[in-house]
Amino acid sequence: MNRLLAEEGKAALPLSLLRQHASGGARSLVRAGFAVEADELELARLTTRFLEHYAAELCVETRLFA
């Protein structure tokens, strides 16, 4: 999410904020990351881009939650 935020010229968010949305899926993370600023077309674009980042780095720095 923070890579996408940077790509879109927005500030990074702390893991503590994003973690609570992780189980809600990509759209939930994008909504949280962009504070629901996006309309449905923009949300779809951002979600697709998020998933591209996710697929490219799926196991980079992956750790189990406590």
PDB file of N, CA and C in Angstrom:
ATOM      1  N   MET A   1       0.819  -1.184   0.000  1.00  0.00           N
ATOM      2  CA  MET A   1       0.000   0.000   0.000  1.00  0.00           C
ATOM      3  C   MET A   1       0.865   1.252   0.000  1.00  0.00           C
ATOM      4  N   ASN A   2       1.919   1.240   0.799  1.00  0.00           N
ATOM      5  CA  ASN A   2       2.760   2.435   0.846  1.00  0.00           C
ATOM      6  C   ASN A   2       3.495   2.685  -0.470  1.00  0.00           C
ATOM      7  N   ARG A   3       3.799   1.646  -1.217  1.00  0.00           N
ATOM      8  CA  ARG A   3       4.393   1.856  -2.550  1.00  0.00           C
ATOM      9  C   ARG A   3       3.381   2.546  -3.469  1.00  0.00           C
ATOM     10  N   LEU A   4       2.133   2.129  -3.406  1.00  0.00           N
ATOM     11  CA  LEU A   4       1.086   2.748  -4.220  1.00  0.00           C
ATOM     12  C   LEU A   4       0.839   4.186  -3.773  1.00  0.00           C
ATOM     13  N   LEU A   5       0.799   4.414  -2.482  1.00  0.00           N
ATOM     14  CA  LEU A   5       0.620   5.780  -1.985  1.00  0.00           C
ATOM     15  C   LEU A   5       1.742   6.687  -2.494  1.00  0.00           C
ATOM     16  N   ALA A   6       2.983   6.205  -2.432  1.00  0.00           N
ATOM     17  CA  ALA A   6       4.118   7.000  -2.924  1.00  0.00           C
ATOM     18  C   ALA A   6       3.988   7.264  -4.416  1.00  0.00           C
ATOM     19  N   GLU A   7       3.578   6.245  -5.153  1.00  0.00           N
ATOM     20  CA  GLU A   7       3.393   6.374  -6.602  1.00  0.00           C
ATOM     21  C   GLU A   7       2.352   7.447  -6.930  1.00  0.00           C
ATOM     22  N   GLU A   8       1.373   7.582  -6.048  1.00  0.00           N
ATOM     23  CA  GLU A   8       0.283   8.548  -6.247  1.00  0.00           C
ATOM     24  C   GLU A   8       0.554   9.892  -5.560  1.00  0.00           C
ATOM     25  N   GLY A   9       1.782  10.067  -5.045  1.00  0.00           N
ATOM     26  CA  GLY A   9       2.155  11.340  -4.429  1.00  0.00           C
ATOM     27  C   GLY A   9       1.580  11.550  -3.041  1.00  0.00           C
ATOM     28  N   LYS A  10       1.277  10.467  -2.338  1.00  0.00           N
ATOM     29  CA  LYS A  10       0.695  10.561  -0.995  1.00  0.00           C
ATOM     30  C   LYS A  10       1.693  10.039   0.035  1.00  0.00           C
ATOM     31  N   ALA A  11       1.502  10.437   1.272  1.00  0.00           N
ATOM     32  CA  ALA A  11       2.379  10.026   2.368  1.00  0.00           C
ATOM     33  C   ALA A  11       2.117   8.575   2.762  1.00  0.00           C
ATOM     34  N   ALA A  12       3.169   7.920   3.222  1.00  0.00           N
ATOM     35  CA  ALA A  12       3.066   6.541   3.716  1.00  0.00           C
ATOM     36  C   ALA A  12       2.219   6.509   4.987  1.00  0.00           C
ATOM     37  N   LEU A  13       1.636   5.337   5.238  1.00  0.00           N
ATOM     38  CA  LEU A  13       0.833   5.125   6.438  1.00  0.00           C
ATOM     39  C   LEU A  13       1.493   4.068   7.312  1.00  0.00           C
ATOM     40  N   PRO A  14       1.281   4.145   8.629  1.00  0.00           N
ATOM     41  CA  PRO A  14       1.892   3.165   9.524  1.00  0.00           C
ATOM     42  C   PRO A  14       1.210   1.796   9.405  1.00  0.00           C
ATOM     43  N   LEU A  15       1.997   0.759   9.640  1.00  0.00           N
ATOM     44  CA  LEU A  15       1.482  -0.600   9.608  1.00  0.00           C
ATOM     45  C   LEU A  15       0.299  -0.761  10.560  1.00  0.00           C
ATOM     46  N   SER A  16       0.351  -0.104  11.699  1.00  0.00           N
ATOM     47  CA  SER A  16      -0.730  -0.234  12.684  1.00  0.00           C
ATOM     48  C   SER A  16      -2.082   0.193  12.101  1.00  0.00           C
ATOM     49  N   LEU A  17      -2.091   1.176  11.227  1.00  0.00           N
ATOM     50  CA  LEU A  17      -3.339   1.604  10.592  1.00  0.00           C
ATOM     51  C   LEU A  17      -3.753   0.622   9.496  1.00  0.00           C
ATOM     52  N   LEU A  18      -2.796   0.205   8.694  1.00  0.00           N
ATOM     53  CA  LEU A  18      -3.105  -0.680   7.566  1.00  0.00           C
ATOM     54  C   LEU A  18      -3.438  -2.095   8.015  1.00  0.00           C
ATOM     55  N   ARG A  19      -2.817  -2.564   9.061  1.00  0.00           N
ATOM     56  CA  ARG A  19      -3.001  -3.938   9.527  1.00  0.00           C
ATOM     57  C   ARG A  19      -4.473  -4.263   9.779  1.00  0.00           C
ATOM     58  N   GLN A  20      -5.206  -3.341  10.352  1.00  0.00           N
ATOM     59  CA  GLN A  20      -6.612  -3.590  10.679  1.00  0.00           C
ATOM     60  C   GLN A  20      -7.495  -3.773   9.441  1.00  0.00           C
ATOM     61  N   HIS A  21      -6.988  -3.425   8.265  1.00  0.00           N
ATOM     62  CA  HIS A  21      -7.745  -3.562   7.023  1.00  0.00           C
ATOM     63  C   HIS A  21      -7.276  -4.736   6.166  1.00  0.00           C
ATOM     64  N   ALA A  22      -6.179  -5.365   6.553  1.00  0.00           N
ATOM     65  CA  ALA A  22      -5.573  -6.413   5.730  1.00  0.00           C
ATOM     66  C   ALA A  22      -6.516  -7.577   5.458  1.00  0.00           C
ATOM     67  N   SER A  23      -7.285  -7.999   6.442  1.00  0.00           N
ATOM     68  CA  SER A  23      -8.179  -9.146   6.234  1.00  0.00           C
ATOM     69  C   SER A  23      -9.396  -8.784   5.396  1.00  0.00           C
ATOM     70  N   GLY A  24      -9.596  -7.505   5.133  1.00  0.00           N
ATOM     71  CA  GLY A  24     -10.721  -7.067   4.305  1.00  0.00           C
ATOM     72  C   GLY A  24     -10.423  -7.105   2.815  1.00  0.00           C
ATOM     73  N   GLY A  25      -9.186  -7.428   2.463  1.00  0.00           N
ATOM     74  CA  GLY A  25      -8.816  -7.527   1.061  1.00  0.00           C
ATOM     75  C   GLY A  25      -8.268  -6.235   0.483  1.00  0.00           C
ATOM     76  N   ALA A  26      -7.952  -6.310  -0.807  1.00  0.00           N
ATOM     77  CA  ALA A  26      -7.300  -5.198  -1.500  1.00  0.00           C
ATOM     78  C   ALA A  26      -8.149  -3.929  -1.506  1.00  0.00           C
ATOM     79  N   ARG A  27      -9.437  -4.065  -1.788  1.00  0.00           N
ATOM     80  CA  ARG A  27     -10.289  -2.867  -1.836  1.00  0.00           C
ATOM     81  C   ARG A  27     -10.355  -2.182  -0.479  1.00  0.00           C
ATOM     82  N   SER A  28     -10.394  -2.965   0.582  1.00  0.00           N
ATOM     83  CA  SER A  28     -10.415  -2.397   1.925  1.00  0.00           C
ATOM     84  C   SER A  28      -9.132  -1.628   2.213  1.00  0.00           C
ATOM     85  N   LEU A  29      -8.005  -2.202   1.831  1.00  0.00           N
ATOM     86  CA  LEU A  29      -6.730  -1.513   2.021  1.00  0.00           C
ATOM     87  C   LEU A  29      -6.653  -0.232   1.199  1.00  0.00           C
ATOM     88  N   VAL A  30      -7.107  -0.291  -0.034  1.00  0.00           N
ATOM     89  CA  VAL A  30      -7.080   0.906  -0.889  1.00  0.00           C
ATOM     90  C   VAL A  30      -8.004   1.977  -0.322  1.00  0.00           C
ATOM     91  N   ARG A  31      -9.177   1.591   0.106  1.00  0.00           N
ATOM     92  CA  ARG A  31     -10.093   2.578   0.718  1.00  0.00           C
ATOM     93  C   ARG A  31      -9.454   3.225   1.946  1.00  0.00           C
ATOM     94  N   ALA A  32      -8.819   2.417   2.774  1.00  0.00           N
ATOM     95  CA  ALA A  32      -8.168   2.945   3.971  1.00  0.00           C
ATOM     96  C   ALA A  32      -6.984   3.843   3.593  1.00  0.00           C
ATOM     97  N   GLY A  33      -6.190   3.388   2.650  1.00  0.00           N
ATOM     98  CA  GLY A  33      -5.008   4.141   2.245  1.00  0.00           C
ATOM     99  C   GLY A  33      -5.324   5.480   1.612  1.00  0.00           C
ATOM    100  N   PHE A  34      -6.423   5.518   0.887  1.00  0.00           N
ATOM    101  CA  PHE A  34      -6.788   6.746   0.183  1.00  0.00           C
ATOM    102  C   PHE A  34      -7.977   7.443   0.831  1.00  0.00           C
ATOM    103  N   ALA A  35      -8.303   7.029   2.050  1.00  0.00           N
ATOM    104  CA  ALA A  35      -9.377   7.660   2.841  1.00  0.00           C
ATOM    105  C   ALA A  35     -10.657   7.832   2.032  1.00  0.00           C
ATOM    106  N   VAL A  36     -10.959   6.829   1.233  1.00  0.00           N
ATOM    107  CA  VAL A  36     -12.178   6.782   0.417  1.00  0.00           C
ATOM    108  C   VAL A  36     -12.330   8.031  -0.447  1.00  0.00           C
ATOM    109  N   GLU A  37     -11.214   8.568  -0.920  1.00  0.00           N
ATOM    110  CA  GLU A  37     -11.255   9.743  -1.787  1.00  0.00           C
ATOM    111  C   GLU A  37     -11.674   9.374  -3.210  1.00  0.00           C
ATOM    112  N   ALA A  38     -11.464   8.143  -3.585  1.00  0.00           N
ATOM    113  CA  ALA A  38     -11.630   7.744  -4.975  1.00  0.00           C
ATOM    114  C   ALA A  38     -13.069   7.373  -5.309  1.00  0.00           C
ATOM    115  N   ASP A  39     -13.493   7.726  -6.528  1.00  0.00           N
ATOM    116  CA  ASP A  39     -14.778   7.237  -7.015  1.00  0.00           C
ATOM    117  C   ASP A  39     -14.590   5.787  -7.445  1.00  0.00           C
ATOM    118  N   GLU A  40     -15.644   5.122  -7.879  1.00  0.00           N
ATOM    119  CA  GLU A  40     -15.563   3.692  -8.194  1.00  0.00           C
ATOM    120  C   GLU A  40     -14.549   3.381  -9.299  1.00  0.00           C
ATOM    121  N   LEU A  41     -14.479   4.199 -10.325  1.00  0.00           N
ATOM    122  CA  LEU A  41     -13.491   3.956 -11.390  1.00  0.00           C
ATOM    123  C   LEU A  41     -12.068   4.131 -10.868  1.00  0.00           C
ATOM    124  N   GLU A  42     -11.875   5.152 -10.073  1.00  0.00           N
ATOM    125  CA  GLU A  42     -10.556   5.393  -9.498  1.00  0.00           C
ATOM    126  C   GLU A  42     -10.214   4.298  -8.500  1.00  0.00           C
ATOM    127  N   LEU A  43     -11.184   3.872  -7.711  1.00  0.00           N
ATOM    128  CA  LEU A  43     -10.965   2.785  -6.761  1.00  0.00           C
ATOM    129  C   LEU A  43     -10.560   1.511  -7.496  1.00  0.00           C
ATOM    130  N   ALA A  44     -11.203   1.217  -8.613  1.00  0.00           N
ATOM    131  CA  ALA A  44     -10.860   0.041  -9.413  1.00  0.00           C
ATOM    132  C   ALA A  44      -9.439   0.153  -9.953  1.00  0.00           C
ATOM    133  N   ARG A  45      -9.060   1.337 -10.445  1.00  0.00           N
ATOM    134  CA  ARG A  45      -7.707   1.547 -10.973  1.00  0.00           C
ATOM    135  C   ARG A  45      -6.669   1.365  -9.879  1.00  0.00           C
ATOM    136  N   LEU A  46      -6.911   1.981  -8.728  1.00  0.00           N
ATOM    137  CA  LEU A  46      -5.962   1.885  -7.620  1.00  0.00           C
ATOM    138  C   LEU A  46      -5.865   0.452  -7.092  1.00  0.00           C
ATOM    139  N   THR A  47      -6.991  -0.245  -7.034  1.00  0.00           N
ATOM    140  CA  THR A  47      -6.989  -1.625  -6.558  1.00  0.00           C
ATOM    141  C   THR A  47      -6.202  -2.516  -7.511  1.00  0.00           C
ATOM    142  N   THR A  48      -6.388  -2.324  -8.805  1.00  0.00           N
ATOM    143  CA  THR A  48      -5.626  -3.094  -9.798  1.00  0.00           C
ATOM    144  C   THR A  48      -4.140  -2.828  -9.638  1.00  0.00           C
ATOM    145  N   ARG A  49      -3.775  -1.589  -9.479  1.00  0.00           N
ATOM    146  CA  ARG A  49      -2.358  -1.231  -9.319  1.00  0.00           C
ATOM    147  C   ARG A  49      -1.795  -1.806  -8.020  1.00  0.00           C
ATOM    148  N   PHE A  50      -2.580  -1.738  -6.940  1.00  0.00           N
ATOM    149  CA  PHE A  50      -2.165  -2.333  -5.672  1.00  0.00           C
ATOM    150  C   PHE A  50      -1.872  -3.822  -5.854  1.00  0.00           C
ATOM    151  N   LEU A  51      -2.766  -4.523  -6.538  1.00  0.00           N
ATOM    152  CA  LEU A  51      -2.592  -5.961  -6.747  1.00  0.00           C
ATOM    153  C   LEU A  51      -1.377  -6.266  -7.618  1.00  0.00           C
ATOM    154  N   GLU A  52      -1.042  -5.381  -8.534  1.00  0.00           N
ATOM    155  CA  GLU A  52       0.179  -5.550  -9.326  1.00  0.00           C
ATOM    156  C   GLU A  52       1.413  -5.465  -8.427  1.00  0.00           C
ATOM    157  N   HIS A  53       1.431  -4.466  -7.546  1.00  0.00           N
ATOM    158  CA  HIS A  53       2.534  -4.349  -6.587  1.00  0.00           C
ATOM    159  C   HIS A  53       2.582  -5.594  -5.698  1.00  0.00           C
ATOM    160  N   TYR A  54       1.437  -6.009  -5.213  1.00  0.00           N
ATOM    161  CA  TYR A  54       1.347  -7.161  -4.313  1.00  0.00           C
ATOM    162  C   TYR A  54       1.884  -8.421  -4.984  1.00  0.00           C
ATOM    163  N   ALA A  55       1.464  -8.672  -6.213  1.00  0.00           N
ATOM    164  CA  ALA A  55       1.909  -9.867  -6.935  1.00  0.00           C
ATOM    165  C   ALA A  55       3.416  -9.843  -7.193  1.00  0.00           C
ATOM    166  N   ALA A  56       3.949  -8.679  -7.468  1.00  0.00           N
ATOM    167  CA  ALA A  56       5.374  -8.554  -7.778  1.00  0.00           C
ATOM    168  C   ALA A  56       6.261  -8.793  -6.558  1.00  0.00           C
ATOM    169  N   GLU A  57       5.722  -8.548  -5.363  1.00  0.00           N
ATOM    170  CA  GLU A  57       6.549  -8.644  -4.161  1.00  0.00           C
ATOM    171  C   GLU A  57       5.862  -9.430  -3.051  1.00  0.00           C
ATOM    172  N   LEU A  58       5.123 -10.436  -3.442  1.00  0.00           N
ATOM    173  CA  LEU A  58       4.305 -11.205  -2.510  1.00  0.00           C
ATOM    174  C   LEU A  58       5.066 -11.718  -1.298  1.00  0.00           C
ATOM    175  N   CYS A  59       6.252 -12.221  -1.485  1.00  0.00           N
ATOM    176  CA  CYS A  59       6.991 -12.832  -0.371  1.00  0.00           C
ATOM    177  C   CYS A  59       8.167 -12.006   0.124  1.00  0.00           C
ATOM    178  N   VAL A  60       8.295 -10.787  -0.365  1.00  0.00           N
ATOM    179  CA  VAL A  60       9.376  -9.925   0.086  1.00  0.00           C
ATOM    180  C   VAL A  60       9.005  -9.389   1.474  1.00  0.00           C
ATOM    181  N   GLU A  61       9.871  -9.633   2.422  1.00  0.00           N
ATOM    182  CA  GLU A  61       9.660  -9.188   3.810  1.00  0.00           C
ATOM    183  C   GLU A  61       8.381  -9.744   4.435  1.00  0.00           C
ATOM    184  N   THR A  62       7.895 -10.874   3.962  1.00  0.00           N
ATOM    185  CA  THR A  62       6.706 -11.482   4.535  1.00  0.00           C
ATOM    186  C   THR A  62       7.030 -12.071   5.900  1.00  0.00           C
ATOM    187  N   ARG A  63       6.201 -11.762   6.876  1.00  0.00           N
ATOM    188  CA  ARG A  63       6.353 -12.272   8.236  1.00  0.00           C
ATOM    189  C   ARG A  63       4.966 -12.631   8.766  1.00  0.00           C
ATOM    190  N   LEU A  64       4.889 -13.668   9.597  1.00  0.00           N
ATOM    191  CA  LEU A  64       3.640 -14.014  10.247  1.00  0.00           C
ATOM    192  C   LEU A  64       3.336 -12.994  11.334  1.00  0.00           C
ATOM    193  N   PHE A  65       2.065 -12.676  11.507  1.00  0.00           N
ATOM    194  CA  PHE A  65       1.661 -11.815  12.618  1.00  0.00           C
ATOM    195  C   PHE A  65       1.721 -12.615  13.904  1.00  0.00           C
ATOM    196  N   ALA A  66       1.959 -11.950  14.990  1.00  0.00           N
ATOM    197  CA  ALA A  66       2.003 -12.609  16.306  1.00  0.00           C
ATOM    198  C   ALA A  66       0.639 -13.200  16.642  1.00  0.00           C
TER     199      ALA A  66
END
